[in-house]
Amino acid sequence: MGLILYFLRHGETTASQTGGYCGGLYPELTPSGLLMAKDFADRHASLPWVAILSSPLGRAVATAKPLCEATGIRMQIKDGLKEIAFGQWEGKTPEEVTIKFHDDYIRWLTDPGWNAPTGGKKGIEVARRSSLVLEEIENAYPAGNILIVSHKATIRIMLCSLLGIDIGRFRDRIDIPVGAVSVVEMAAHGPRIHVLGDRSYLRESLRGRAVL
């Protein structure tokens, strides 16, 4: 078996329920979000994991924790897996942002790779820092299953980087619902995606929860 990367978006939070921009904010997992983390661990604990890495933000750490407890693997915290910084848009809905920061918002929608939210970070900056984490993983682990727990924009950006998709299209080409897992094999001829945005591991009552 080669190197297999599992990209898991954290479970549901109050921000994912409302659709507000949430990069550096600290919403906790909702009760449903905690169950999402448990369901992932219950379904996947039997896999031969070699490492579990998480963003330092609490919602990601709480999502990774059940699998760490089930497998006995120590969680590795990586700043490069943090969510994109939304600057002055933090906590605001798209409707609020388009009124208060209209021109910046249009530029960002057109190309979020090279245009930042007002006071925030460009997608390409997230690509650079997250790529260092991926490079570190490849250097440290030639084979095995790796869990990477991160955030909506950051996971989409990492997948674009791996699959050769323009970073500026990360919002248009890939969707990552809350609690979803995507699986990429680091194959001989480059990264190959096996699973994208899957939530089938969740109990039925959670699959219809907010996916923003």
Protein backbone atom coordinates (compact mmCIF):
# COMPACT_ATOMS: atom_id res chain seq x y z
CA MET A 1 0.00 0.00 0.00
CA GLY A 2 1.23 3.45 -0.85
CA LEU A 3 0.51 6.73 0.89
CA ILE A 4 -3.23 7.47 1.28
CA LEU A 5 -4.39 10.89 2.46
CA TYR A 6 -7.81 11.26 4.11
CA PHE A 7 -8.94 14.90 4.16
CA LEU A 8 -11.70 15.33 6.76
CA ARG A 9 -13.58 18.59 7.21
CA HIS A 10 -14.50 19.20 10.84
CA GLY A 11 -18.00 18.48 12.09
CA GLU A 12 -20.90 20.89 12.23
CA THR A 13 -20.52 24.19 14.12
CA THR A 14 -22.90 27.10 14.63
CA ALA A 15 -21.04 28.90 11.82
CA SER A 16 -21.60 26.06 9.37
CA GLN A 17 -25.29 26.18 10.26
CA THR A 18 -25.61 29.89 9.42
CA GLY A 19 -23.17 30.12 6.52
CA GLY A 20 -21.18 32.96 8.09
CA TYR A 21 -17.51 33.32 7.17
CA CYS A 22 -15.44 31.64 9.85
CA GLY A 23 -11.68 31.44 9.51
CA GLY A 24 -10.02 32.48 12.75
CA LEU A 25 -13.15 32.41 14.90
CA TYR A 26 -13.64 29.68 17.49
CA PRO A 27 -17.11 28.14 17.26
CA GLU A 28 -17.36 24.80 18.99
CA LEU A 29 -18.82 21.69 17.46
CA THR A 30 -22.57 21.38 17.91
CA PRO A 31 -23.94 18.16 19.43
CA SER A 32 -24.44 16.96 15.85
CA GLY A 33 -20.86 17.93 15.03
CA LEU A 34 -19.57 15.85 17.92
CA LEU A 35 -21.60 12.89 16.66
CA MET A 36 -20.08 13.37 13.19
CA ALA A 37 -16.61 13.06 14.72
CA LYS A 38 -17.69 9.94 16.62
CA ASP A 39 -19.22 8.39 13.51
CA PHE A 40 -16.02 8.93 11.55
CA ALA A 41 -13.97 7.23 14.27
CA ASP A 42 -16.43 4.37 14.62
CA ARG A 43 -16.39 3.66 10.88
CA HIS A 44 -12.67 4.15 10.28
CA ALA A 45 -10.86 3.11 13.48
CA SER A 46 -10.05 -0.34 12.10
CA LEU A 47 -7.95 1.07 9.25
CA PRO A 48 -4.17 0.85 9.72
CA TRP A 49 -3.52 4.54 10.45
CA VAL A 50 0.04 5.81 10.70
CA ALA A 51 -0.58 9.48 11.55
CA ILE A 52 -3.35 11.94 12.45
CA LEU A 53 -2.80 15.63 11.76
CA SER A 54 -5.11 18.51 12.63
CA SER A 55 -5.49 22.24 12.31
CA PRO A 56 -4.95 23.91 15.71
CA LEU A 57 -8.47 25.36 15.69
CA GLY A 58 -10.72 23.74 18.29
CA ARG A 59 -13.39 22.53 15.88
CA ALA A 60 -10.79 20.51 13.97
CA VAL A 61 -9.07 19.19 17.10
CA ALA A 62 -12.42 18.03 18.50
CA THR A 63 -13.15 16.24 15.21
CA ALA A 64 -9.80 14.41 15.22
CA LYS A 65 -9.96 13.48 18.91
CA PRO A 66 -12.27 10.43 18.73
CA LEU A 67 -10.07 8.67 16.18
CA CYS A 68 -6.97 9.48 18.23
CA GLU A 69 -8.63 7.98 21.28
CA ALA A 70 -9.77 4.90 19.36
CA THR A 71 -6.35 4.20 17.82
CA GLY A 72 -3.97 5.52 20.47
CA ILE A 73 -2.24 7.70 17.86
CA ARG A 74 -1.00 11.09 19.07
CA MET A 75 -2.54 14.05 17.28
CA GLN A 76 -0.07 16.27 15.42
CA ILE A 77 -1.09 19.95 15.33
CA LYS A 78 -0.12 21.82 12.16
CA ASP A 79 -0.59 25.56 11.72
CA GLY A 80 -0.48 25.08 7.96
CA LEU A 81 -3.88 23.36 8.14
CA LYS A 82 -5.71 26.38 9.60
CA GLU A 83 -8.65 27.85 7.74
CA ILE A 84 -8.18 30.78 5.38
CA ALA A 85 -8.32 34.13 7.24
CA PHE A 86 -11.40 36.11 6.27
CA GLY A 87 -10.26 39.36 7.88
CA GLN A 88 -13.10 41.87 8.27
CA TRP A 89 -15.58 39.33 6.89
CA GLU A 90 -15.24 37.05 9.91
CA GLY A 91 -18.64 36.22 11.39
CA LYS A 92 -20.55 37.93 8.58
CA THR A 93 -22.85 36.28 6.06
CA PRO A 94 -22.28 36.60 2.29
CA GLU A 95 -25.27 38.94 2.17
CA GLU A 96 -23.67 41.27 4.73
CA VAL A 97 -20.28 41.13 3.01
CA THR A 98 -21.64 41.99 -0.42
CA ILE A 99 -23.21 45.15 1.03
CA LYS A 100 -20.32 46.33 3.23
CA PHE A 101 -17.37 45.21 1.08
CA HIS A 102 -18.94 45.01 -2.36
CA ASP A 103 -15.91 45.65 -4.59
CA ASP A 104 -13.59 43.40 -2.59
CA TYR A 105 -16.25 40.71 -2.55
CA ILE A 106 -16.67 40.79 -6.34
CA ARG A 107 -12.90 40.59 -6.85
CA TRP A 108 -12.72 37.66 -4.43
CA LEU A 109 -15.55 35.80 -6.11
CA THR A 110 -13.85 36.30 -9.48
CA ASP A 111 -10.49 34.90 -8.33
CA PRO A 112 -10.09 33.97 -4.63
CA GLY A 113 -6.65 32.58 -5.39
CA TRP A 114 -5.14 36.02 -5.97
CA ASN A 115 -7.68 38.26 -4.22
CA ALA A 116 -8.11 38.24 -0.44
CA PRO A 117 -11.14 38.93 1.72
CA THR A 118 -10.84 42.45 3.14
CA GLY A 119 -7.94 42.22 5.60
CA GLY A 120 -7.67 38.46 5.06
CA LYS A 121 -5.49 36.05 3.08
CA LYS A 122 -5.35 34.99 -0.54
CA GLY A 123 -6.00 31.39 -1.54
CA ILE A 124 -2.47 31.13 -2.90
CA GLU A 125 -1.10 31.95 0.56
CA VAL A 126 -3.10 29.07 2.03
CA ALA A 127 -1.81 26.84 -0.77
CA ARG A 128 1.78 27.69 0.11
CA ARG A 129 1.50 26.98 3.82
CA SER A 130 -0.61 23.84 3.43
CA SER A 131 1.72 22.48 0.75
CA LEU A 132 4.52 22.50 3.33
CA VAL A 133 2.43 20.19 5.51
CA LEU A 134 1.79 17.85 2.59
CA GLU A 135 5.49 17.85 1.75
CA GLU A 136 6.32 17.04 5.36
CA ILE A 137 3.89 14.12 5.29
CA GLU A 138 5.38 12.69 2.10
CA ASN A 139 8.89 12.94 3.53
CA ALA A 140 7.95 11.33 6.85
CA TYR A 141 5.57 8.60 5.68
CA PRO A 142 6.34 6.68 2.49
CA ALA A 143 3.19 4.58 2.92
CA GLY A 144 0.07 4.18 5.03
CA ASN A 145 -3.13 6.00 5.88
CA ILE A 146 -2.89 9.62 7.05
CA LEU A 147 -5.83 11.59 8.46
CA ILE A 148 -5.75 15.35 7.84
CA VAL A 149 -8.47 17.26 9.70
CA SER A 150 -8.93 20.77 8.40
CA HIS A 151 -11.46 23.26 7.05
CA LYS A 152 -13.64 23.88 4.01
CA ALA A 153 -11.51 26.36 2.05
CA THR A 154 -8.19 24.86 3.10
CA ILE A 155 -9.17 21.34 2.06
CA ARG A 156 -10.50 22.58 -1.28
CA ILE A 157 -7.25 24.47 -1.86
CA MET A 158 -5.12 21.44 -0.96
CA LEU A 159 -7.13 19.24 -3.31
CA CYS A 160 -6.75 21.78 -6.12
CA SER A 161 -3.00 21.88 -5.52
CA LEU A 162 -2.71 18.09 -5.60
CA LEU A 163 -4.95 17.61 -8.63
CA GLY A 164 -3.54 20.40 -10.78
CA ILE A 165 -6.63 22.63 -10.60
CA ASP A 166 -6.16 26.41 -10.68
CA ILE A 167 -6.21 27.66 -7.05
CA GLY A 168 -8.40 30.56 -8.20
CA ARG A 169 -11.15 28.04 -8.95
CA PHE A 170 -11.20 26.31 -5.57
CA ARG A 171 -14.68 27.64 -4.77
CA ASP A 172 -16.07 26.77 -8.20
CA ARG A 173 -14.67 23.31 -8.83
CA ILE A 174 -14.80 21.51 -5.48
CA ASP A 175 -17.37 21.42 -2.70
CA ILE A 176 -16.59 20.00 0.73
CA PRO A 177 -19.69 19.66 2.94
CA VAL A 178 -19.32 19.81 6.70
CA GLY A 179 -18.10 16.48 8.05
CA ALA A 180 -17.13 15.22 4.58
CA VAL A 181 -14.07 13.10 3.83
CA SER A 182 -12.05 13.00 0.62
CA VAL A 183 -9.40 10.40 -0.15
CA VAL A 184 -6.33 10.89 -2.32
CA GLU A 185 -3.78 8.22 -3.18
CA MET A 186 -0.25 9.47 -3.75
CA ALA A 187 0.23 7.17 -6.73
CA ALA A 188 3.28 6.52 -8.88
CA HIS A 189 2.13 8.98 -11.55
CA GLY A 190 0.93 11.63 -9.12
CA PRO A 191 -2.04 12.21 -6.80
CA ARG A 192 -5.20 10.28 -7.70
CA ILE A 193 -8.53 11.02 -6.05
CA HIS A 194 -10.63 8.07 -4.93
CA VAL A 195 -13.34 9.77 -2.85
CA LEU A 196 -14.60 13.37 -2.85
CA GLY A 197 -16.81 14.97 -0.21
CA ASP A 198 -18.25 11.71 1.13
CA ARG A 199 -20.62 11.67 4.11
CA SER A 200 -21.94 8.12 3.76
CA TYR A 201 -20.22 7.11 7.01
CA LEU A 202 -22.61 9.33 8.98
CA ARG A 203 -25.70 7.95 10.67
CA GLU A 204 -28.78 8.67 8.57
CA SER A 205 -30.08 11.39 10.90
CA LEU A 206 -26.92 13.46 10.33
CA ARG A 207 -26.65 13.23 6.56
CA GLY A 208 -29.31 15.88 6.09
CA ARG A 209 -27.67 18.35 8.47
CA ALA A 210 -26.26 21.70 7.27
CA VAL A 211 -23.58 21.20 4.66
CA LEU A 212 -22.28 24.78 4.27
